Amino acid sequence: MKMITAIIKPFRLDDVRDALQQVGVTGLTVEEVKGYGRQQGHTELYRGAEYLVEFQPKLKLQAVVDAELVDAALDAVREAANTGKIGDGKLFVADVGDVVRVRTGERGREAI
């Protein structure tokens, strides 16, 4: 099993969720986060004053998937989140040792 973590632009969430459902990902956790990568923030005008916005609003998505689904899930997220502009996000993959469903006690694949 693998944990896929995706950092994406907030307005791409519905497209990414739909794309993941189409490849068979059944669960997803979403958090609102802030951060920056190569874009290093930008300046904005508010009531005539210029402000530096260092941290961009992003969404952090996490899904645990079977190892066989990892490549399809990564491709689905990459295609759905891509706008072609800087700040589209990043994808991370990590090993998951075990999963336990709290309600039933199921472990491993059955708990995903």
Protein backbone atom coordinates (compact mmCIF):
# COMPACT_ATOMS: atom_id res chain seq x y z
CA MET A 1 0.00 0.00 0.00
CA LYS A 2 1.10 3.54 -0.71
CA MET A 3 0.07 6.97 0.56
CA ILE A 4 -0.22 9.57 -2.18
CA THR A 5 0.01 13.16 -1.00
CA ALA A 6 -0.86 15.86 -3.51
CA ILE A 7 -0.46 19.61 -3.09
CA ILE A 8 -2.72 21.35 -5.62
CA LYS A 9 -4.41 24.65 -6.40
CA PRO A 10 -7.76 24.87 -4.58
CA PHE A 11 -9.90 25.38 -7.69
CA ARG A 12 -8.70 22.05 -9.15
CA LEU A 13 -10.17 19.94 -6.32
CA ASP A 14 -13.36 18.79 -8.06
CA ASP A 15 -11.46 17.73 -11.19
CA VAL A 16 -8.86 15.84 -9.16
CA ARG A 17 -11.49 14.10 -7.01
CA ASP A 18 -13.43 13.02 -10.11
CA ALA A 19 -10.25 11.76 -11.81
CA LEU A 20 -9.28 9.72 -8.74
CA GLN A 21 -12.74 8.17 -8.50
CA GLN A 22 -12.53 7.13 -12.16
CA VAL A 23 -9.32 5.15 -11.53
CA GLY A 24 -10.74 3.42 -8.44
CA VAL A 25 -9.51 5.49 -5.48
CA THR A 26 -12.26 5.18 -2.87
CA GLY A 27 -11.14 7.52 -0.08
CA LEU A 28 -9.60 10.97 0.12
CA THR A 29 -8.61 13.41 2.87
CA VAL A 30 -8.40 17.13 2.07
CA GLU A 31 -6.76 19.90 4.11
CA GLU A 32 -6.45 23.61 3.43
CA VAL A 33 -2.77 24.56 3.65
CA LYS A 34 -0.47 27.41 2.68
CA GLY A 35 2.98 27.24 1.21
CA TYR A 36 5.30 28.17 -1.60
CA GLY A 37 7.68 26.55 -4.00
CA ARG A 38 9.61 28.16 -6.78
CA GLN A 39 7.09 30.99 -7.16
CA GLN A 40 8.23 32.42 -3.78
CA GLY A 41 5.00 34.42 -3.33
CA HIS A 42 3.78 37.58 -5.04
CA THR A 43 2.66 41.16 -4.31
CA GLU A 44 -0.95 42.32 -4.15
CA LEU A 45 -2.56 45.73 -3.94
CA TYR A 46 -5.07 46.42 -1.16
CA ARG A 47 -6.51 49.92 -0.72
CA GLY A 48 -3.58 51.45 -2.53
CA ALA A 49 -0.90 49.69 -0.51
CA GLU A 50 1.27 46.88 -1.82
CA TYR A 51 1.59 43.71 0.27
CA LEU A 52 3.87 40.71 -0.15
CA VAL A 53 1.94 37.44 -0.06
CA GLU A 54 4.58 34.84 0.71
CA PHE A 55 2.40 31.77 1.26
CA GLN A 56 -0.02 30.67 -1.44
CA PRO A 57 -3.30 28.93 -0.52
CA LYS A 58 -3.18 25.26 -1.53
CA LEU A 59 -4.99 22.02 -0.81
CA LYS A 60 -3.28 18.93 0.53
CA LEU A 61 -4.92 15.69 -0.56
CA GLN A 62 -4.01 12.30 0.86
CA ALA A 63 -5.15 8.88 -0.32
CA VAL A 64 -3.98 5.39 0.57
CA VAL A 65 -4.10 3.09 -2.46
CA ASP A 66 -3.02 -0.40 -3.47
CA ALA A 67 0.43 -0.47 -5.06
CA GLU A 68 -1.18 -1.50 -8.37
CA LEU A 69 -3.19 1.77 -8.47
CA VAL A 70 -0.31 4.15 -7.75
CA ASP A 71 0.72 4.95 -11.35
CA ALA A 72 -2.88 5.40 -12.52
CA ALA A 73 -3.67 7.62 -9.53
CA LEU A 74 -0.56 9.75 -10.05
CA ASP A 75 -1.36 10.21 -13.74
CA ALA A 76 -4.97 11.09 -12.90
CA VAL A 77 -3.95 13.76 -10.38
CA ARG A 78 -1.23 15.18 -12.60
CA GLU A 79 -3.56 15.54 -15.57
CA ALA A 80 -6.49 16.92 -13.55
CA ALA A 81 -4.41 19.41 -11.51
CA ASN A 82 -2.30 20.69 -14.41
CA THR A 83 -2.93 24.27 -15.52
CA GLY A 84 0.46 24.67 -17.19
CA LYS A 85 1.40 27.53 -14.85
CA ILE A 86 3.87 27.76 -12.01
CA GLY A 87 2.47 26.59 -8.68
CA ASP A 88 0.42 23.66 -10.01
CA GLY A 89 1.69 21.55 -7.12
CA LYS A 90 3.60 18.43 -6.19
CA LEU A 91 2.90 14.72 -5.70
CA PHE A 92 4.56 12.55 -3.06
CA VAL A 93 4.39 8.77 -2.62
CA ALA A 94 5.21 7.00 0.65
CA ASP A 95 4.99 3.40 1.82
CA VAL A 96 2.22 2.51 4.27
CA GLY A 97 2.99 -0.38 6.61
CA ASP A 98 -0.59 -1.15 7.64
CA VAL A 99 -4.12 0.23 7.67
CA VAL A 100 -6.77 -0.55 10.27
CA ARG A 101 -10.47 0.29 9.88
CA VAL A 102 -11.62 1.58 13.27
CA ARG A 103 -15.23 0.39 13.00
CA THR A 104 -14.57 -3.24 12.04
CA GLY A 105 -10.92 -3.88 12.88
CA GLU A 106 -10.19 -4.91 9.27
CA ARG A 107 -6.54 -4.59 8.30
CA GLY A 108 -4.58 -4.12 5.12
CA ARG A 109 -6.33 -4.04 1.72
CA GLU A 110 -9.75 -4.70 3.24
CA ALA A 111 -9.41 -1.55 5.38
CA ILE A 112 -8.72 0.78 2.44
